[in-house]
């Protein structure tokens, strides 16, 4: 007899007299009339049943094993983050960095290029994803230009897709630097603005203590006038002190960027990033709440798929993901730069990376049937795989549940406002 039970990894969401089924195994959605869903009639229809089976919406005794075996080892993207300049022109109150290093050394620059060439030569990868980080990476704009040019050539030579993003404070993102970045395929930007001027300038100051909001905002307005194709994610770090400032930020964003879909908002809870942090940490996951407020005002926000896709995990959880310091140290995570467990190796001048496999393995721990049965009864298992934030897992020595778990239905509802259902069933 055919199985007619929905998988435990399917979430049912009411929407406009319909039920939308969201599958956490593949992020697929199916809309069904509520009355048909309630009486179970949809399961008796052969076409519907075949669709549910095809898209893995039905319970399968092997689905746990299939999720587990859909591992990350064979992932086809080589992820590289480069701390191109480890000093910064800002001194943000919650920052965890020490700024004792500067521009990337020439021998390290050459060695990273050699390492990437060796990796691409294996033909294991279909994509090369390069991130520019700091400190403040735009302090090293010429090195970004020089290095990107070489990496693009390597990607072309080995016929892999090349994508590049930058995390910058935005203060130096003037027309000249934007043009340089566009010319070397850096087309995705993340820039932090912690509310409007009165609050932002208390948090995110220059070394000399002066405010930064006006320059950053003006740079963004100038950026919006460019005709080039790019994406700007404006990140707001939210604490008890500035949560009431977010409505004004949303309104100002709508006024200046509301019609430009290249710009989007992204909210993050301030966390215990630094001993210097004096902000009030909010215990609830504020992201969904603020995303909903922004969408209600027709403001573009980050696509919710980033939170509810299968394997929506940190880059550090991937085996083929490395962070290179300006001095040649190799890390997994950009947040834990001073934790010895995060320093997994060093790159040599010939491009050889000496890795401590025991340290590397700490970041790659995946779901285990024997070790954590709690995870296997959880709807978000395909999303977080028990390793959504490997650094938290390392710190707590257990599988730490992500905030998404408590807010899953909220994220799905927001997602359904952003995208249409994959399938619409009518009778």
Protein backbone atom coordinates (compact mmCIF):
# COMPACT_ATOMS: atom_id res chain seq x y z
CA UNK A 1 0.00 0.00 0.00
CA UNK A 2 1.48 3.39 -0.97
CA UNK A 3 2.62 5.58 1.90
CA UNK A 4 0.27 8.54 2.42
CA UNK A 5 1.89 10.19 5.41
CA UNK A 6 3.66 13.53 5.10
CA UNK A 7 7.30 13.66 6.13
CA UNK A 8 8.07 15.15 9.52
CA UNK A 9 10.29 17.60 7.63
CA UNK A 10 7.23 19.18 6.01
CA UNK A 11 5.78 22.28 7.67
CA UNK A 12 2.11 23.23 7.06
CA UNK A 13 1.48 27.00 6.92
CA UNK A 14 -2.07 28.50 6.67
CA UNK A 15 -2.35 31.21 3.99
CA UNK A 16 -5.53 32.78 2.56
CA UNK A 17 -7.81 29.76 3.03
CA UNK A 18 -5.07 27.51 1.76
CA UNK A 19 -2.36 25.41 3.33
CA UNK A 20 1.16 25.81 2.03
CA UNK A 21 3.41 22.81 2.57
CA UNK A 22 7.07 23.75 2.96
CA UNK A 23 9.65 20.98 2.67
CA UNK A 24 12.78 21.69 4.72
CA UNK A 25 14.64 19.02 2.74
CA UNK A 26 14.56 21.02 -0.50
CA UNK A 27 12.74 24.35 0.21
CA UNK A 28 9.96 23.36 -2.19
CA UNK A 29 6.42 24.67 -1.60
CA UNK A 30 3.01 23.26 -2.52
CA UNK A 31 -0.25 25.17 -2.01
CA UNK A 32 -3.41 23.16 -1.29
CA UNK A 33 -7.00 24.37 -0.57
CA UNK A 34 -7.50 24.22 3.19
CA UNK A 35 -10.65 22.09 2.99
CA UNK A 36 -8.94 19.51 0.77
CA UNK A 37 -5.92 19.44 3.09
CA UNK A 38 -8.05 19.01 6.22
CA UNK A 39 -9.95 15.98 4.98
CA UNK A 40 -6.85 14.40 3.43
CA UNK A 41 -8.47 14.15 0.01
CA UNK A 42 -5.39 15.50 -1.74
CA UNK A 43 -3.50 12.34 -0.75
CA UNK A 44 -6.00 10.20 -2.67
CA UNK A 45 -5.48 12.05 -5.94
CA UNK A 46 -2.93 10.20 -8.07
CA UNK A 47 -1.41 13.28 -9.72
CA UNK A 48 -1.04 15.03 -6.36
CA UNK A 49 0.35 11.91 -4.74
CA UNK A 50 2.92 11.52 -7.51
CA UNK A 51 3.96 15.16 -7.09
CA UNK A 52 4.35 14.75 -3.31
CA UNK A 53 6.40 11.64 -3.84
CA UNK A 54 8.58 13.21 -6.53
CA UNK A 55 9.37 16.28 -4.40
CA UNK A 56 10.04 14.18 -1.26
CA UNK A 57 7.05 15.43 0.76
CA UNK A 58 6.08 11.92 1.90
CA UNK A 59 7.53 9.99 4.79
CA UNK A 60 10.37 7.70 3.77
CA UNK A 61 12.11 5.28 6.10
CA UNK A 62 15.40 6.20 4.44
CA UNK A 63 14.98 10.00 4.55
CA UNK A 64 17.14 10.45 7.66
CA UNK A 65 19.96 8.56 6.01
CA UNK A 66 19.49 10.47 2.77
CA UNK A 67 19.81 13.76 4.66
CA UNK A 68 22.88 12.53 6.47
CA UNK A 69 24.49 11.22 3.30
CA UNK A 70 23.82 14.51 1.52
CA UNK A 71 27.06 15.62 3.13
CA UNK A 72 29.25 18.63 2.48
CA UNK A 73 32.51 16.88 1.66
CA UNK A 74 31.79 16.76 -2.05
CA UNK A 75 30.61 20.36 -2.22
CA UNK A 76 31.58 21.89 -5.53
CA UNK A 77 32.40 25.44 -4.39
CA UNK A 78 35.86 26.51 -3.28
CA UNK A 79 35.22 29.23 -0.69
CA UNK A 80 38.05 31.65 0.06
CA UNK A 81 37.90 34.65 2.40
CA UNK A 82 40.93 36.95 2.39
CA UNK A 83 41.73 39.37 5.20
CA UNK A 84 43.30 41.73 2.71
CA UNK A 85 43.96 44.47 5.32
CA UNK A 86 43.69 43.70 9.02
CA UNK A 87 43.72 47.29 10.24
CA UNK A 88 40.65 49.51 10.14
CA UNK A 89 39.70 53.17 9.90
CA UNK A 90 36.85 52.54 12.39
CA UNK A 91 36.79 51.71 16.08
CA UNK A 92 33.31 50.26 16.58
CA UNK A 93 32.36 49.79 20.23
CA UNK A 94 31.47 46.10 19.87
CA UNK A 95 34.31 45.05 17.54
CA UNK A 96 36.34 41.98 18.48
CA UNK A 97 39.39 42.69 16.26
CA UNK A 98 42.73 43.95 17.64
CA UNK A 99 44.10 45.70 14.51
CA UNK A 100 47.71 44.64 15.09
CA UNK A 101 48.27 43.61 11.47
CA UNK A 102 48.07 45.56 8.22
CA UNK A 103 48.07 45.01 4.47
CA UNK A 104 48.51 41.48 3.15
CA UNK A 105 52.16 40.54 2.62
CA UNK A 106 53.32 40.12 -0.97
CA UNK A 107 54.51 36.54 -0.45
CA UNK A 108 51.16 35.62 1.16
CA UNK A 109 49.29 37.22 -1.73
CA UNK A 110 51.26 35.11 -4.24
CA UNK A 111 50.95 31.95 -2.13
CA UNK A 112 47.14 32.21 -1.95
CA UNK A 113 46.96 32.49 -5.73
CA UNK A 114 49.16 29.40 -6.04
CA UNK A 115 46.99 27.48 -3.57
CA UNK A 116 43.81 28.35 -5.47
CA UNK A 117 45.44 27.32 -8.73
CA UNK A 118 46.39 23.94 -7.25
CA UNK A 119 42.85 23.40 -5.98
CA UNK A 120 41.22 24.34 -9.29
CA UNK A 121 43.65 22.08 -11.12
CA UNK A 122 42.02 19.09 -9.40
CA UNK A 123 38.79 19.88 -11.33
CA UNK A 124 36.77 19.18 -8.17
CA UNK A 125 35.09 22.57 -8.23
CA UNK A 126 32.48 24.28 -10.36
CA UNK A 127 32.60 27.62 -8.57
CA UNK A 128 35.22 29.86 -6.93
CA UNK A 129 33.70 32.20 -4.32
CA UNK A 130 36.05 34.89 -2.99
CA UNK A 131 35.24 37.19 -0.08
CA UNK A 132 37.19 40.32 0.88
CA UNK A 133 37.28 41.01 4.60
CA UNK A 134 39.33 42.91 7.18
CA UNK A 135 39.87 44.99 9.25
CA UNK A 136 38.62 47.20 6.50
CA UNK A 137 39.29 45.66 3.09
CA UNK A 138 39.00 48.91 1.14
CA UNK A 139 42.22 50.06 2.82
CA UNK A 140 43.75 47.49 0.49
CA UNK A 141 41.74 48.33 -2.64
CA UNK A 142 44.76 48.12 -4.98
CA UNK A 143 45.63 44.65 -3.69
CA UNK A 144 42.00 43.59 -4.18
CA UNK A 145 42.24 44.82 -7.77
CA UNK A 146 45.58 43.10 -8.38
CA UNK A 147 44.63 39.82 -6.76
CA UNK A 148 41.13 39.68 -8.28
CA UNK A 149 42.58 40.08 -11.75
CA UNK A 150 44.72 36.98 -11.22
CA UNK A 151 41.92 34.95 -9.66
CA UNK A 152 39.52 35.77 -12.50
CA UNK A 153 42.14 34.53 -14.98
CA UNK A 154 42.46 31.28 -13.02
CA UNK A 155 38.69 30.81 -12.97
CA UNK A 156 38.57 31.33 -16.73
CA UNK A 157 41.48 28.97 -17.29
CA UNK A 158 39.88 26.15 -15.32
CA UNK A 159 36.35 26.96 -16.52
CA UNK A 160 34.77 27.57 -13.11
CA UNK A 161 32.23 30.24 -12.22
CA UNK A 162 33.74 33.19 -10.33
CA UNK A 163 31.79 35.21 -7.76
CA UNK A 164 33.13 37.79 -5.33
CA UNK A 165 31.75 39.77 -2.40
CA UNK A 166 33.09 42.30 0.08
CA UNK A 167 32.26 43.10 3.70
CA UNK A 168 33.08 46.77 4.20
CA UNK A 169 32.12 49.59 6.55
CA UNK A 170 31.30 51.62 3.44
CA UNK A 171 33.21 54.75 4.42
CA UNK A 172 35.66 54.41 1.52
CA UNK A 173 33.11 53.10 -0.98
CA UNK A 174 33.29 56.17 -3.20
CA UNK A 175 32.72 56.24 -6.98
CA UNK A 176 36.38 55.51 -7.73
CA UNK A 177 36.57 52.44 -5.49
CA UNK A 178 33.19 51.19 -6.66
CA UNK A 179 34.40 51.36 -10.26
CA UNK A 180 37.55 49.43 -9.37
CA UNK A 181 35.51 46.73 -7.64
CA UNK A 182 33.02 46.45 -10.49
CA UNK A 183 35.87 46.06 -12.99
CA UNK A 184 37.14 43.01 -11.09
CA UNK A 185 33.72 41.36 -10.60
CA UNK A 186 33.18 42.31 -6.94
CA UNK A 187 29.44 42.79 -7.21
CA UNK A 188 28.06 41.93 -3.77
CA UNK A 189 28.51 44.29 -0.81
CA UNK A 190 27.63 44.01 2.87
CA UNK A 191 27.71 47.32 4.74
CA UNK A 192 26.75 47.85 8.37
CA UNK A 193 24.56 50.77 9.47
CA UNK A 194 23.32 50.52 13.05
CA UNK A 195 20.34 52.84 12.78
CA UNK A 196 20.17 56.54 11.99
CA UNK A 197 22.91 59.11 12.60
CA UNK A 198 22.21 59.77 16.29
CA UNK A 199 22.75 56.11 17.23
CA UNK A 200 25.04 54.84 14.46
CA UNK A 201 27.67 57.50 15.19
CA UNK A 202 27.87 56.39 18.83
CA UNK A 203 28.59 52.82 17.77
CA UNK A 204 30.60 53.06 14.57
CA UNK A 205 33.21 55.81 14.85
CA UNK A 206 36.41 56.68 13.06
CA UNK A 207 39.69 56.17 14.90
CA UNK A 208 39.58 59.86 15.85
CA UNK A 209 36.08 59.48 17.32
CA UNK A 210 34.21 61.28 14.55
CA UNK A 211 30.91 59.98 13.20
CA UNK A 212 30.61 58.03 9.96
CA UNK A 213 26.91 57.89 9.06
CA UNK A 214 26.71 60.84 6.67
CA UNK A 215 29.67 59.70 4.55
CA UNK A 216 28.41 56.11 4.31
CA UNK A 217 24.84 57.10 3.47
CA UNK A 218 26.04 59.58 0.84
CA UNK A 219 28.25 56.84 -0.68
CA UNK A 220 25.22 54.56 -0.89
CA UNK A 221 23.11 57.23 -2.58
CA UNK A 222 25.89 57.79 -5.12
CA UNK A 223 26.12 54.03 -5.60
CA UNK A 224 22.40 53.88 -6.36
CA UNK A 225 22.95 56.29 -9.26
CA UNK A 226 25.31 53.83 -10.96
CA UNK A 227 23.83 51.73 -13.75
CA UNK A 228 25.96 48.67 -13.00
CA UNK A 229 24.61 45.40 -11.68
CA UNK A 230 25.39 44.77 -7.99
CA UNK A 231 23.77 43.90 -4.67
CA UNK A 232 24.07 45.91 -1.47
CA UNK A 233 23.02 44.33 1.80
CA UNK A 234 22.69 46.94 4.52
CA UNK A 235 23.22 45.12 7.79
CA UNK A 236 21.88 46.55 11.05
CA UNK A 237 23.22 45.13 14.31
CA UNK A 238 20.28 45.38 16.71
CA UNK A 239 20.48 45.68 20.49
CA UNK A 240 18.22 46.92 23.28
CA UNK A 241 19.57 50.42 22.74
CA UNK A 242 18.77 50.84 19.06
CA UNK A 243 15.80 48.58 18.38
CA UNK A 244 13.46 51.59 18.44
CA UNK A 245 15.77 53.26 15.92
CA UNK A 246 15.06 50.58 13.34
CA UNK A 247 11.70 52.03 12.23
CA UNK A 248 13.44 55.25 11.24
CA UNK A 249 16.13 53.29 9.39
CA UNK A 250 13.47 51.36 7.47
CA UNK A 251 11.68 54.60 6.56
CA UNK A 252 14.89 56.31 5.43
CA UNK A 253 15.89 53.24 3.42
CA UNK A 254 12.50 53.28 1.68
CA UNK A 255 12.84 56.99 0.90
CA UNK A 256 16.32 56.74 -0.65
CA UNK A 257 16.50 53.15 -1.96
CA UNK A 258 12.94 51.84 -1.91
CA UNK A 259 12.62 51.53 -5.68
CA UNK A 260 16.08 50.05 -6.20
CA UNK A 261 15.97 46.27 -5.81
CA UNK A 262 19.76 46.14 -5.75
CA UNK A 263 19.55 47.33 -2.13
CA UNK A 264 18.14 45.28 0.73
CA UNK A 265 18.03 45.32 4.53
CA UNK A 266 19.34 42.63 6.86
CA UNK A 267 18.95 42.62 10.64
CA UNK A 268 21.22 40.80 13.11
CA UNK A 269 21.03 40.49 16.88
CA UNK A 270 24.08 42.02 18.58
CA UNK A 271 25.88 39.20 20.34
CA UNK A 272 28.80 38.76 22.73
CA UNK A 273 31.37 39.52 20.04
CA UNK A 274 33.75 41.46 22.26
CA UNK A 275 34.56 42.13 25.90
CA UNK A 276 34.17 45.81 25.00
CA UNK A 277 30.52 45.34 24.05
CA UNK A 278 28.29 47.33 26.39
CA UNK A 279 25.09 46.88 24.38
CA UNK A 280 22.04 45.17 25.83
CA UNK A 281 21.77 41.74 24.21
CA UNK A 282 18.24 40.93 23.11
CA UNK A 283 17.28 37.37 24.02
CA UNK A 284 14.61 37.01 21.34
CA UNK A 285 15.43 36.58 17.65
CA UNK A 286 14.65 40.09 16.40
CA UNK A 287 15.25 39.35 12.73
CA UNK A 288 11.84 38.01 11.71
CA UNK A 289 10.04 40.79 13.56
CA UNK A 290 11.99 43.51 11.74
CA UNK A 291 11.84 41.75 8.37
CA UNK A 292 8.05 41.71 8.68
CA UNK A 293 7.98 45.44 9.52
CA UNK A 294 10.14 46.24 6.50
CA UNK A 295 8.11 44.10 4.09
CA UNK A 296 4.88 45.69 5.37
CA UNK A 297 6.34 49.01 4.16
CA UNK A 298 7.30 47.47 0.81
CA UNK A 299 11.00 47.59 1.66
CA UNK A 300 13.32 44.97 0.19
CA UNK A 301 14.97 42.63 2.68
CA UNK A 302 17.29 39.66 2.40
CA UNK A 303 15.60 36.67 0.83
CA UNK A 304 14.45 34.28 3.56
CA UNK A 305 15.85 31.34 1.61
CA UNK A 306 19.18 32.28 3.17
CA UNK A 307 17.75 31.05 6.49
CA UNK A 308 15.54 28.13 5.44
CA UNK A 309 17.35 26.54 2.52
CA UNK A 310 18.80 23.03 2.98
CA UNK A 311 22.29 23.37 4.46
CA UNK A 312 21.70 27.00 5.48
CA UNK A 313 24.87 26.85 7.51
CA UNK A 314 27.95 28.93 8.11
CA UNK A 315 30.71 28.93 5.49
CA UNK A 316 33.05 27.60 8.22
CA UNK A 317 31.13 24.30 8.27
CA UNK A 318 32.23 23.49 4.72
CA UNK A 319 35.37 21.46 4.22
CA UNK A 320 36.53 23.46 1.19
CA UNK A 321 36.29 26.82 2.95
CA UNK A 322 39.32 28.75 4.19
CA UNK A 323 40.02 32.18 5.66
CA UNK A 324 43.50 33.53 4.90
CA UNK A 325 45.06 36.14 7.18
CA UNK A 326 47.31 38.90 5.87
CA UNK A 327 50.30 37.13 7.45
CA UNK A 328 49.51 33.67 6.04
CA UNK A 329 47.63 32.15 8.96
CA UNK A 330 44.70 29.98 7.92
CA UNK A 331 41.39 30.12 9.80
CA UNK A 332 37.89 28.73 9.44
CA UNK A 333 35.92 31.64 10.91
CA UNK A 334 36.28 35.44 10.71
CA UNK A 335 34.70 35.99 14.13
CA UNK A 336 37.02 33.80 16.24
CA UNK A 337 40.34 35.14 14.95
CA UNK A 338 42.05 34.90 18.35
CA UNK A 339 40.79 31.46 19.35
CA UNK A 340 43.56 28.87 18.82
CA UNK A 341 40.97 26.30 17.78
CA UNK A 342 40.18 28.52 14.81
CA UNK A 343 43.78 28.83 13.61
CA UNK A 344 43.92 25.59 11.63
CA UNK A 345 47.15 26.12 9.70
CA UNK A 346 49.51 28.28 7.69
CA UNK A 347 50.19 28.79 4.00
CA UNK A 348 53.72 28.37 2.65
CA UNK A 349 55.27 30.41 -0.14
CA UNK A 350 54.76 27.63 -2.69
CA UNK A 351 50.99 27.58 -2.04
CA UNK A 352 51.05 24.52 0.20
CA UNK A 353 48.64 24.83 3.12
CA UNK A 354 49.74 23.02 6.27
CA UNK A 355 46.53 22.07 8.07
CA UNK A 356 46.00 20.64 11.54
CA UNK A 357 43.40 18.05 10.59
CA UNK A 358 42.28 17.61 14.20
CA UNK A 359 41.48 21.34 14.42
CA UNK A 360 39.87 21.37 10.99
CA UNK A 361 37.63 18.46 11.94
CA UNK A 362 36.22 20.43 14.89
CA UNK A 363 34.46 22.68 12.38
CA UNK A 364 33.20 19.89 10.15
CA UNK A 365 31.28 17.80 12.66
CA UNK A 366 28.09 16.72 10.98
CA UNK A 367 24.93 15.07 12.22
CA UNK A 368 25.34 11.63 13.74
CA UNK A 369 22.56 9.13 14.30
CA UNK A 370 24.19 7.71 17.41
CA UNK A 371 25.30 10.99 18.97
CA UNK A 372 22.22 13.21 18.73
CA UNK A 373 18.77 11.69 18.39
CA UNK A 374 17.24 15.06 19.33
CA UNK A 375 18.35 16.48 15.98
CA UNK A 376 16.73 13.65 14.05
CA UNK A 377 13.28 14.50 15.38
CA UNK A 378 13.63 18.17 14.47
CA UNK A 379 11.97 19.74 11.42
CA UNK A 380 14.98 21.96 10.68
CA UNK A 381 17.52 19.14 10.58
CA UNK A 382 17.97 19.44 6.78
CA UNK A 383 18.52 23.21 7.23
CA UNK A 384 21.07 23.27 10.06
CA UNK A 385 22.42 19.69 10.02
CA UNK A 386 23.30 20.14 13.70
CA UNK A 387 26.13 22.46 12.66
CA UNK A 388 24.57 25.78 11.67
CA UNK A 389 27.19 27.65 13.69
CA UNK A 390 30.20 25.37 14.24
CA UNK A 391 31.90 27.90 16.50
CA UNK A 392 28.99 27.84 18.96
CA UNK A 393 29.07 24.04 18.87
CA UNK A 394 32.79 24.09 19.64
CA UNK A 395 32.32 26.53 22.51
CA UNK A 396 29.43 24.59 24.06
CA UNK A 397 30.71 21.14 23.05
CA UNK A 398 27.23 20.21 21.84
CA UNK A 399 24.86 20.87 18.94
CA UNK A 400 23.51 24.38 19.53
CA UNK A 401 20.12 25.04 17.92
CA UNK A 402 19.98 28.11 15.66
CA UNK A 403 17.47 30.95 16.25
CA UNK A 404 15.67 29.77 13.09
CA UNK A 405 14.26 26.83 15.03
CA UNK A 406 11.92 28.91 17.18
CA UNK A 407 11.01 31.27 14.33
CA UNK A 408 10.75 28.76 11.47
CA UNK A 409 7.08 29.42 10.67
CA UNK A 410 7.67 33.18 10.72
CA UNK A 411 10.54 32.86 8.25
CA UNK A 412 8.47 30.64 5.95
CA UNK A 413 5.56 33.11 6.02
CA UNK A 414 7.91 35.96 5.08
CA UNK A 415 9.42 33.80 2.34
CA UNK A 416 5.93 33.18 0.94
CA UNK A 417 5.50 36.95 0.63
CA UNK A 418 8.75 37.12 -1.35
CA UNK A 419 8.23 34.20 -3.74
CA UNK A 420 5.36 32.29 -5.30
CA UNK A 421 4.71 28.65 -4.45
CA UNK A 422 6.39 26.10 -6.65
CA UNK A 423 3.11 24.21 -7.13
CA UNK A 424 -0.57 25.21 -6.83
CA UNK A 425 -3.02 22.33 -6.41
CA UNK A 426 -6.67 22.87 -7.29
CA UNK A 427 -9.58 20.42 -7.48
